[in-house]
Amino acid sequence: MLEEVGDGGSLMNILTGFDLPMIVTLSDCLFFWDKEDVLRPIAIRIEYRNGKGAPSFWFPPPDTAEEETPEYLSWMLAKMYFNSANMQIHAILTHFVKAHAVVETFAIATYRNLPRQHPIHKLLLPHVQGIIPINVQGRQFLTKAAGVMSALMAAGDKLWHLADVYMKQFRIDQLMFPTDIKKRGVEDIPGYYFRDDGLAWWNNLRQYCQEFLELHYTSDAMVTSDPELSNFLLELRNKGFEKIPDNANFPETLSTVSELVDFITMIMWNSSVWHTAVNFGQFNYLAFIPNSPCAMTEPPPLQGEEITMERILTSMPVREMAKVQIDISYSLSLFSPVEKFYVGSVREEKASLKTETTIVDDEEIACIDRLIERLNVMQADIDKRNEGLRIPYVVIKPDLTPLTVQT
């Protein structure tokens, strides 16, 4: 993704008065699944294509290496370059493009094509409301040419070019979580709790959608003959993803109730669970700058270069950049005052799906009740699992997962 992205820094240098490059590198990390059922990083490749440098390869130090030795410091610096490259992808593509821009198309198509009394409108409304205004704010303050992301990120000078490169290969399968997990070959790797909890979410939401939609679509013919649903699908394909090759493989029609259930589950999951997963945990990882630098300010080391602590410190973002990274990651990790959650809490004054829906039919409300019951069981399972973890994974617990994108 970063192959054609030049170094950044033009806006940040204007704001701070510095004359520092913001380095964009290509980087890969090789992991080994060992006998102890642990994934361990065993090699990092770094390539500074903008500087026409040859790739360099870095390896973990021996267990006996002291923290001040070049072996130890070189691995530390290599990890920083890798994580900085990964942050460009996460902040711009994984978060803003996939969790905000893509799901905005679902909100627009819902409002434009599905009347309020339509069952799919009622089903989706809690999961699409708020997306459009928060994205307007994001484009105004964060992602425009003179916005915070352009100033902060190493890839900021080419932010929209990076998004364009990503969307050219974007396909609907990337939004179908079970399919995406299999396509990436991560069904069985150990300790991947986002996958485990994400699949539990998918299954629970799919059952909810199936129970709800089968109240209104009692045959496949009712799906194919619904003109408002047809307009909804056509607008997504022909307007929302018009400029994407093959319209991102979005369907022109859906033929069965099962296909409809999967499609609506996909919208619901990405508008809530995916955004929660990639947004609300950011401060825990980004607030410590060496863990994920927004930009490196020196070209990566050459193969065999002896690394010192001074070399590491001069490669890191300057104080002004670090402060902005901490501030932004903190703000993004906070729940909005108007946030609504799947599982509410009277004690914490958190509204739940049941209090925020426009659904009033008894059978439809019963679908919500059963979903909340399943989510409470899921939450108990997560709590039990986390008891044995050194770092509990709590990001997408049901009582911490908002219904829609509000931040």
Protein backbone atom coordinates (compact mmCIF):
# COMPACT_ATOMS: atom_id res chain seq x y z
CA MET A 1 0.00 0.00 0.00
CA LEU A 2 2.84 2.40 0.78
CA GLU A 3 4.90 1.64 -2.35
CA GLU A 4 3.94 4.85 -4.17
CA VAL A 5 3.65 7.12 -1.13
CA GLY A 6 6.36 9.77 -0.76
CA ASP A 7 7.76 11.11 2.49
CA GLY A 8 5.61 13.62 4.34
CA GLY A 9 6.29 16.52 6.63
CA SER A 10 5.52 19.63 4.58
CA LEU A 11 2.58 20.73 6.74
CA MET A 12 4.11 19.70 10.07
CA ASN A 13 7.30 21.63 9.26
CA ILE A 14 5.23 24.75 8.56
CA LEU A 15 3.41 24.37 11.87
CA THR A 16 6.48 23.64 14.00
CA GLY A 17 9.22 25.56 12.20
CA PHE A 18 11.33 22.42 11.90
CA ASP A 19 12.82 21.07 8.71
CA LEU A 20 12.44 17.37 9.32
CA PRO A 21 11.52 14.66 6.86
CA MET A 22 8.73 12.29 7.83
CA ILE A 23 9.90 8.95 6.52
CA VAL A 24 7.62 6.46 4.76
CA THR A 25 9.13 2.98 4.70
CA LEU A 26 7.93 -0.39 3.51
CA SER A 27 8.16 -3.01 6.21
CA ASP A 28 7.23 -6.62 6.87
CA CYS A 29 7.47 -8.77 9.98
CA LEU A 30 7.86 -12.55 9.94
CA PHE A 31 6.31 -14.49 12.83
CA PHE A 32 6.98 -18.05 13.95
CA TRP A 33 4.31 -20.19 15.60
CA ASP A 34 6.37 -22.07 18.17
CA LYS A 35 5.82 -25.26 20.18
CA GLU A 36 4.55 -23.23 23.13
CA ASP A 37 1.66 -22.04 20.95
CA VAL A 38 3.04 -18.50 20.85
CA LEU A 39 3.54 -16.28 17.80
CA ARG A 40 7.03 -14.80 17.98
CA PRO A 41 8.52 -12.15 15.66
CA ILE A 42 11.73 -13.53 14.17
CA ALA A 43 12.61 -11.05 11.41
CA ILE A 44 11.76 -7.55 10.17
CA ARG A 45 12.42 -6.28 6.65
CA ILE A 46 12.68 -2.52 6.12
CA GLU A 47 12.93 -0.83 2.73
CA TYR A 48 13.24 2.90 2.18
CA ARG A 49 12.15 3.06 -1.43
CA ASN A 50 11.87 6.86 -1.43
CA GLY A 51 15.58 6.99 -0.64
CA LYS A 52 16.34 4.25 -3.16
CA GLY A 53 17.88 2.19 -0.37
CA ALA A 54 18.31 -1.57 -0.42
CA PRO A 55 16.13 -3.62 1.93
CA SER A 56 17.64 -4.37 5.32
CA PHE A 57 16.84 -7.29 7.59
CA TRP A 58 16.79 -7.24 11.39
CA PHE A 59 16.54 -10.05 13.91
CA PRO A 60 15.77 -10.39 17.62
CA PRO A 61 18.76 -10.25 19.97
CA PRO A 62 19.78 -13.30 21.95
CA ASP A 63 18.10 -13.66 25.32
CA THR A 64 21.39 -12.81 27.00
CA ALA A 65 21.78 -9.43 25.24
CA GLU A 66 21.96 -6.39 27.50
CA GLU A 67 19.54 -3.52 26.78
CA GLU A 68 22.37 -1.12 25.90
CA THR A 69 23.98 -3.36 23.28
CA PRO A 70 23.71 -2.62 19.52
CA GLU A 71 22.02 -5.99 19.00
CA TYR A 72 19.23 -5.11 21.42
CA LEU A 73 18.88 -1.51 20.18
CA SER A 74 18.83 -2.48 16.49
CA TRP A 75 15.83 -4.77 17.09
CA MET A 76 14.11 -2.02 19.06
CA LEU A 77 14.61 0.47 16.23
CA ALA A 78 13.50 -2.02 13.58
CA LYS A 79 10.26 -2.59 15.51
CA MET A 80 9.68 1.17 15.61
CA TYR A 81 10.05 1.49 11.83
CA PHE A 82 7.73 -1.46 11.31
CA ASN A 83 5.10 -0.09 13.70
CA SER A 84 5.33 3.37 12.14
CA ALA A 85 4.62 1.87 8.71
CA ASN A 86 1.75 -0.12 10.20
CA MET A 87 0.32 3.02 11.80
CA GLN A 88 0.00 4.69 8.39
CA ILE A 89 -2.17 1.78 7.27
CA HIS A 90 -4.16 1.61 10.50
CA ALA A 91 -4.97 5.29 10.94
CA ILE A 92 -5.75 6.15 7.34
CA LEU A 93 -7.11 2.92 5.87
CA THR A 94 -8.18 0.50 8.62
CA HIS A 95 -9.80 3.24 10.67
CA PHE A 96 -10.85 6.23 8.61
CA VAL A 97 -11.51 4.63 5.20
CA LYS A 98 -12.93 1.25 6.23
CA ALA A 99 -14.59 2.14 9.56
CA HIS A 100 -15.89 5.60 8.57
CA ALA A 101 -15.97 6.35 4.84
CA VAL A 102 -17.17 2.93 3.68
CA VAL A 103 -19.93 2.63 6.27
CA GLU A 104 -21.15 6.15 5.41
CA THR A 105 -22.35 4.77 2.09
CA PHE A 106 -24.66 2.40 3.99
CA ALA A 107 -26.16 5.29 5.95
CA ILE A 108 -26.76 7.41 2.84
CA ALA A 109 -28.32 4.53 0.91
CA THR A 110 -30.56 3.68 3.89
CA TYR A 111 -31.90 7.21 4.25
CA ARG A 112 -32.38 7.71 0.51
CA ASN A 113 -34.06 4.43 -0.39
CA LEU A 114 -35.71 2.77 2.61
CA PRO A 115 -38.79 4.44 4.14
CA ARG A 116 -38.92 4.64 7.92
CA GLN A 117 -41.56 1.93 8.12
CA HIS A 118 -39.46 -0.48 6.02
CA PRO A 119 -38.22 -3.38 8.18
CA ILE A 120 -34.62 -2.97 7.02
CA HIS A 121 -34.71 0.75 7.83
CA LYS A 122 -35.96 -0.05 11.33
CA LEU A 123 -33.30 -2.74 11.71
CA LEU A 124 -30.41 -0.57 10.50
CA LEU A 125 -31.33 2.83 11.93
CA PRO A 126 -29.57 2.42 15.32
CA HIS A 127 -26.42 1.38 13.43
CA VAL A 128 -26.23 4.14 10.80
CA GLN A 129 -27.43 7.22 12.65
CA GLY A 130 -24.63 9.61 13.53
CA ILE A 131 -22.22 8.31 10.89
CA ILE A 132 -22.73 11.15 8.40
CA PRO A 133 -22.20 14.11 10.79
CA ILE A 134 -19.15 12.57 12.47
CA ASN A 135 -17.61 11.94 9.05
CA VAL A 136 -18.28 15.54 8.02
CA GLN A 137 -16.33 16.63 11.11
CA GLY A 138 -13.58 14.13 10.34
CA ARG A 139 -13.14 15.38 6.79
CA GLN A 140 -13.15 18.98 7.99
CA PHE A 141 -10.61 18.67 10.80
CA LEU A 142 -8.67 15.42 10.38
CA THR A 143 -8.33 14.22 6.81
CA LYS A 144 -8.41 17.30 4.58
CA ALA A 145 -5.21 18.52 2.93
CA ALA A 146 -4.47 20.88 5.81
CA GLY A 147 -5.94 18.66 8.52
CA VAL A 148 -4.43 17.02 11.58
CA MET A 149 -3.78 13.67 9.89
CA SER A 150 -1.98 15.34 6.99
CA ALA A 151 0.27 17.13 9.45
CA LEU A 152 0.85 14.22 11.80
CA MET A 153 1.31 11.15 9.65
CA ALA A 154 4.41 10.26 7.65
CA ALA A 155 2.07 9.50 4.74
CA GLY A 156 0.09 12.70 5.34
CA ASP A 157 1.26 14.47 2.18
CA LYS A 158 -0.22 11.60 0.15
CA LEU A 159 -3.12 10.70 2.43
CA TRP A 160 -5.80 10.60 -0.24
CA HIS A 161 -3.49 8.90 -2.72
CA LEU A 162 -3.01 6.12 -0.17
CA ALA A 163 -6.78 5.87 0.25
CA ASP A 164 -7.19 5.70 -3.53
CA VAL A 165 -4.65 2.87 -3.81
CA TYR A 166 -6.49 0.97 -1.09
CA MET A 167 -9.93 1.40 -2.61
CA LYS A 168 -8.77 0.12 -6.00
CA GLN A 169 -8.31 -3.31 -4.43
CA PHE A 170 -11.25 -3.05 -2.01
CA ARG A 171 -13.94 -5.71 -2.33
CA ILE A 172 -17.06 -6.53 -0.33
CA ASP A 173 -15.44 -9.77 0.93
CA GLN A 174 -13.24 -7.59 3.15
CA LEU A 175 -16.39 -6.56 5.03
CA MET A 176 -17.60 -10.14 5.51
CA PHE A 177 -15.68 -10.93 8.69
CA PRO A 178 -15.77 -14.77 8.59
CA THR A 179 -14.73 -14.73 4.92
CA ASP A 180 -11.97 -12.20 5.57
CA ILE A 181 -10.58 -14.26 8.45
CA LYS A 182 -10.33 -17.35 6.21
CA LYS A 183 -8.90 -15.36 3.30
CA ARG A 184 -6.12 -14.02 5.51
CA GLY A 185 -5.40 -17.49 6.89
CA VAL A 186 -5.73 -16.55 10.55
CA GLU A 187 -8.47 -18.99 11.60
CA ASP A 188 -6.19 -20.97 13.92
CA ILE A 189 -3.40 -18.70 15.17
CA PRO A 190 -3.26 -18.56 18.99
CA GLY A 191 -4.20 -15.59 21.12
CA TYR A 192 -6.16 -13.75 18.43
CA TYR A 193 -8.97 -12.60 20.72
CA PHE A 194 -10.31 -10.01 18.28
CA ARG A 195 -11.01 -12.87 15.88
CA ASP A 196 -12.67 -14.95 18.60
CA ASP A 197 -14.85 -12.14 19.94
CA GLY A 198 -15.51 -10.76 16.46
CA LEU A 199 -16.82 -14.10 15.22
CA ALA A 200 -19.02 -14.42 18.32
CA TRP A 201 -20.40 -10.97 17.52
CA TRP A 202 -21.00 -11.93 13.89
CA ASN A 203 -22.90 -15.08 14.83
CA ASN A 204 -25.05 -13.27 17.40
CA LEU A 205 -25.87 -10.40 15.07
CA ARG A 206 -26.59 -12.78 12.21
CA GLN A 207 -29.06 -14.74 14.35
CA TYR A 208 -30.72 -11.45 15.34
CA CYS A 209 -30.98 -10.35 11.70
CA GLN A 210 -32.32 -13.73 10.64
CA GLU A 211 -35.02 -13.80 13.32
CA PHE A 212 -36.03 -10.21 12.53
CA LEU A 213 -35.98 -10.43 8.74
CA GLU A 214 -37.83 -13.76 8.63
CA LEU A 215 -40.77 -11.98 10.27
CA HIS A 216 -41.07 -9.86 7.12
CA TYR A 217 -39.55 -11.99 4.33
CA THR A 218 -41.24 -15.36 4.49
CA SER A 219 -39.92 -16.49 1.11
CA ASP A 220 -37.01 -15.80 -1.23
CA ALA A 221 -39.46 -14.33 -3.72
CA MET A 222 -40.28 -11.53 -1.29
CA VAL A 223 -36.60 -10.53 -1.31
CA THR A 224 -36.33 -10.36 -5.08
CA SER A 225 -39.64 -8.52 -5.45
CA ASP A 226 -38.96 -5.75 -2.91
CA PRO A 227 -38.47 -2.57 -5.02
CA GLU A 228 -37.14 -0.47 -2.15
CA LEU A 229 -34.55 -3.08 -1.25
CA SER A 230 -33.61 -3.26 -4.94
CA ASN A 231 -33.07 0.51 -5.07
CA PHE A 232 -31.01 0.33 -1.88
CA LEU A 233 -28.69 -2.31 -3.38
CA LEU A 234 -28.38 -0.54 -6.73
CA GLU A 235 -27.45 2.76 -5.11
CA LEU A 236 -24.78 1.11 -3.01
CA ARG A 237 -23.29 -0.58 -6.06
CA ASN A 238 -23.71 2.14 -8.68
CA LYS A 239 -23.26 5.27 -6.56
CA GLY A 240 -21.52 4.33 -3.34
CA PHE A 241 -18.87 2.19 -5.04
CA GLU A 242 -19.19 3.54 -8.56
CA LYS A 243 -15.50 4.32 -9.07
CA ILE A 244 -14.17 1.11 -7.54
CA PRO A 245 -13.15 -1.64 -9.99
CA ASP A 246 -16.05 -4.07 -10.45
CA ASN A 247 -18.06 -1.87 -8.06
CA ALA A 248 -16.18 -3.64 -5.24
CA ASN A 249 -18.25 -6.76 -6.15
CA PHE A 250 -21.32 -5.31 -4.46
CA PRO A 251 -24.38 -7.21 -5.69
CA GLU A 252 -27.05 -5.77 -7.96
CA THR A 253 -29.62 -8.04 -6.36
CA LEU A 254 -30.03 -10.53 -3.53
CA SER A 255 -31.79 -13.78 -4.33
CA THR A 256 -32.53 -15.37 -0.99
CA VAL A 257 -33.44 -14.49 2.58
CA SER A 258 -30.11 -15.99 3.68
CA GLU A 259 -28.17 -13.66 1.36
CA LEU A 260 -30.13 -10.71 2.74
CA VAL A 261 -29.37 -11.78 6.31
CA ASP A 262 -25.63 -11.93 5.55
CA PHE A 263 -25.71 -8.54 3.83
CA ILE A 264 -27.49 -6.74 6.68
CA THR A 265 -25.27 -8.50 9.25
CA MET A 266 -22.26 -7.17 7.34
CA ILE A 267 -23.53 -3.58 7.56
CA MET A 268 -24.41 -3.89 11.23
CA TRP A 269 -21.12 -5.55 12.21
CA ASN A 270 -18.89 -3.07 10.40
CA SER A 271 -20.84 -0.04 11.62
CA SER A 272 -20.43 -1.08 15.24
CA VAL A 273 -18.07 -3.95 16.08
CA TRP A 274 -15.35 -3.17 13.51
CA HIS A 275 -15.26 0.53 14.36
CA THR A 276 -15.16 -0.24 18.08
CA ALA A 277 -12.26 -2.67 17.59
CA VAL A 278 -10.06 -0.33 15.57
CA ASN A 279 -10.91 2.94 17.33
CA PHE A 280 -11.40 2.67 21.08
CA GLY A 281 -8.21 0.79 21.89
CA GLN A 282 -5.93 3.29 20.17
CA PHE A 283 -4.79 5.27 23.20
CA ASN A 284 -3.47 2.13 24.91
CA TYR A 285 -1.06 1.56 22.02
CA LEU A 286 -0.37 5.01 20.58
CA ALA A 287 0.13 7.05 23.75
CA PHE A 288 3.61 5.56 24.23
CA ILE A 289 5.26 7.01 21.15
CA PRO A 290 8.03 4.40 20.63
CA ASN A 291 5.34 1.72 20.45
CA SER A 292 3.79 3.17 17.29
CA PRO A 293 5.38 6.41 16.01
CA CYS A 294 3.26 8.55 13.70
CA ALA A 295 6.41 9.18 11.67
CA MET A 296 10.12 8.48 11.81
CA THR A 297 12.31 11.50 11.16
CA GLU A 298 15.47 9.73 9.95
CA PRO A 299 15.90 7.22 7.12
CA PRO A 300 16.04 3.63 8.37
CA PRO A 301 19.44 2.20 9.29
CA LEU A 302 21.59 0.49 6.73
CA GLN A 303 22.32 -3.20 7.03
CA GLY A 304 25.07 -3.69 9.60
CA GLU A 305 24.85 -0.17 11.01
CA GLU A 306 25.67 -0.08 14.70
CA ILE A 307 22.63 1.32 16.51
CA THR A 308 22.92 3.58 19.53
CA MET A 309 20.30 5.12 21.79
CA GLU A 310 21.13 8.51 20.28
CA ARG A 311 20.27 7.11 16.83
CA ILE A 312 16.92 5.91 18.16
CA LEU A 313 16.07 9.23 19.80
CA THR A 314 16.90 11.30 16.70
CA SER A 315 14.71 8.97 14.59
CA MET A 316 11.60 9.47 16.70
CA PRO A 317 8.94 12.16 16.26
CA VAL A 318 9.80 15.52 17.83
CA ARG A 319 8.00 16.57 21.00
CA GLU A 320 5.39 18.67 19.18
CA MET A 321 4.42 15.71 16.97
CA ALA A 322 4.37 13.34 19.93
CA LYS A 323 2.01 15.60 21.85
CA VAL A 324 -0.44 15.73 18.94
CA GLN A 325 -0.34 11.94 18.61
CA ILE A 326 -1.12 11.50 22.31
CA ASP A 327 -3.91 14.10 22.22
CA ILE A 328 -5.58 12.67 19.11
CA SER A 329 -5.38 9.05 20.25
CA TYR A 330 -6.82 10.03 23.64
CA SER A 331 -9.71 11.97 22.09
CA LEU A 332 -10.56 9.19 19.64
CA SER A 333 -10.54 6.57 22.39
CA LEU A 334 -13.20 8.38 24.43
CA PHE A 335 -16.86 7.51 24.06
CA SER A 336 -19.03 10.31 22.71
CA PRO A 337 -21.55 11.80 25.21
CA VAL A 338 -24.32 10.61 22.87
CA GLU A 339 -22.93 7.08 22.49
CA LYS A 340 -25.48 4.24 22.60
CA PHE A 341 -24.47 0.66 23.39
CA TYR A 342 -25.81 -2.82 22.65
CA VAL A 343 -25.95 -3.67 26.35
CA GLY A 344 -26.97 -0.74 28.53
CA SER A 345 -26.25 0.09 32.14
CA VAL A 346 -28.55 2.07 34.42
CA ARG A 347 -25.69 2.61 36.85
CA GLU A 348 -23.49 4.14 34.16
CA GLU A 349 -26.43 5.81 32.41
CA LYS A 350 -25.61 3.95 29.21
CA ALA A 351 -28.52 3.56 26.80
CA SER A 352 -28.96 0.17 25.14
CA LEU A 353 -30.23 -1.04 21.80
CA LYS A 354 -33.67 -1.63 23.29
CA THR A 355 -34.04 1.98 24.41
CA GLU A 356 -32.70 3.46 21.17
CA THR A 357 -34.66 1.56 18.55
CA THR A 358 -37.81 2.74 16.77
CA ILE A 359 -39.12 -0.83 16.79
CA VAL A 360 -42.44 -1.21 18.63
CA ASP A 361 -43.84 -4.51 17.32
CA ASP A 362 -43.87 -7.18 20.03
CA GLU A 363 -42.32 -9.89 17.87
CA GLU A 364 -39.56 -7.53 16.73
CA ILE A 365 -38.85 -6.43 20.30
CA ALA A 366 -38.60 -10.10 21.27
CA CYS A 367 -35.77 -10.42 18.71
CA ILE A 368 -33.92 -7.62 20.49
CA ASP A 369 -34.51 -9.23 23.88
CA ARG A 370 -33.05 -12.53 22.69
CA LEU A 371 -30.02 -10.73 21.20
CA ILE A 372 -29.32 -8.95 24.48
CA GLU A 373 -29.63 -12.24 26.36
CA ARG A 374 -27.06 -13.84 24.06
CA LEU A 375 -24.75 -10.82 24.38
CA ASN A 376 -24.90 -11.05 28.18
CA VAL A 377 -23.80 -14.69 27.92
CA MET A 378 -21.05 -13.65 25.51
CA GLN A 379 -19.89 -10.97 27.94
CA ALA A 380 -19.68 -13.49 30.77
CA ASP A 381 -17.62 -15.80 28.54
CA ILE A 382 -15.22 -12.96 27.70
CA ASP A 383 -14.83 -12.04 31.37
CA LYS A 384 -14.06 -15.66 32.25
CA ARG A 385 -11.48 -15.95 29.47
CA ASN A 386 -9.83 -12.68 30.46
CA GLU A 387 -9.25 -13.91 34.00
CA GLY A 388 -6.37 -16.01 32.71
CA LEU A 389 -4.79 -13.38 30.47
CA ARG A 390 -1.85 -11.16 31.35
CA ILE A 391 -3.42 -8.42 29.21
CA PRO A 392 -7.22 -8.88 29.11
CA TYR A 393 -8.86 -8.19 25.74
CA VAL A 394 -11.94 -6.09 26.52
CA VAL A 395 -12.24 -3.78 23.49
CA ILE A 396 -15.39 -5.30 21.96
CA LYS A 397 -17.17 -6.51 25.07
CA PRO A 398 -20.91 -5.97 24.51
CA ASP A 399 -21.21 -3.29 27.19
CA LEU A 400 -18.30 -1.40 25.59
CA THR A 401 -19.47 -1.67 21.97
CA PRO A 402 -21.49 1.27 20.64
CA LEU A 403 -24.28 0.70 18.13
CA THR A 404 -22.80 3.02 15.52
CA VAL A 405 -19.94 5.33 14.59
CA GLN A 406 -19.99 8.45 16.78
CA THR A 407 -16.24 9.15 17.21
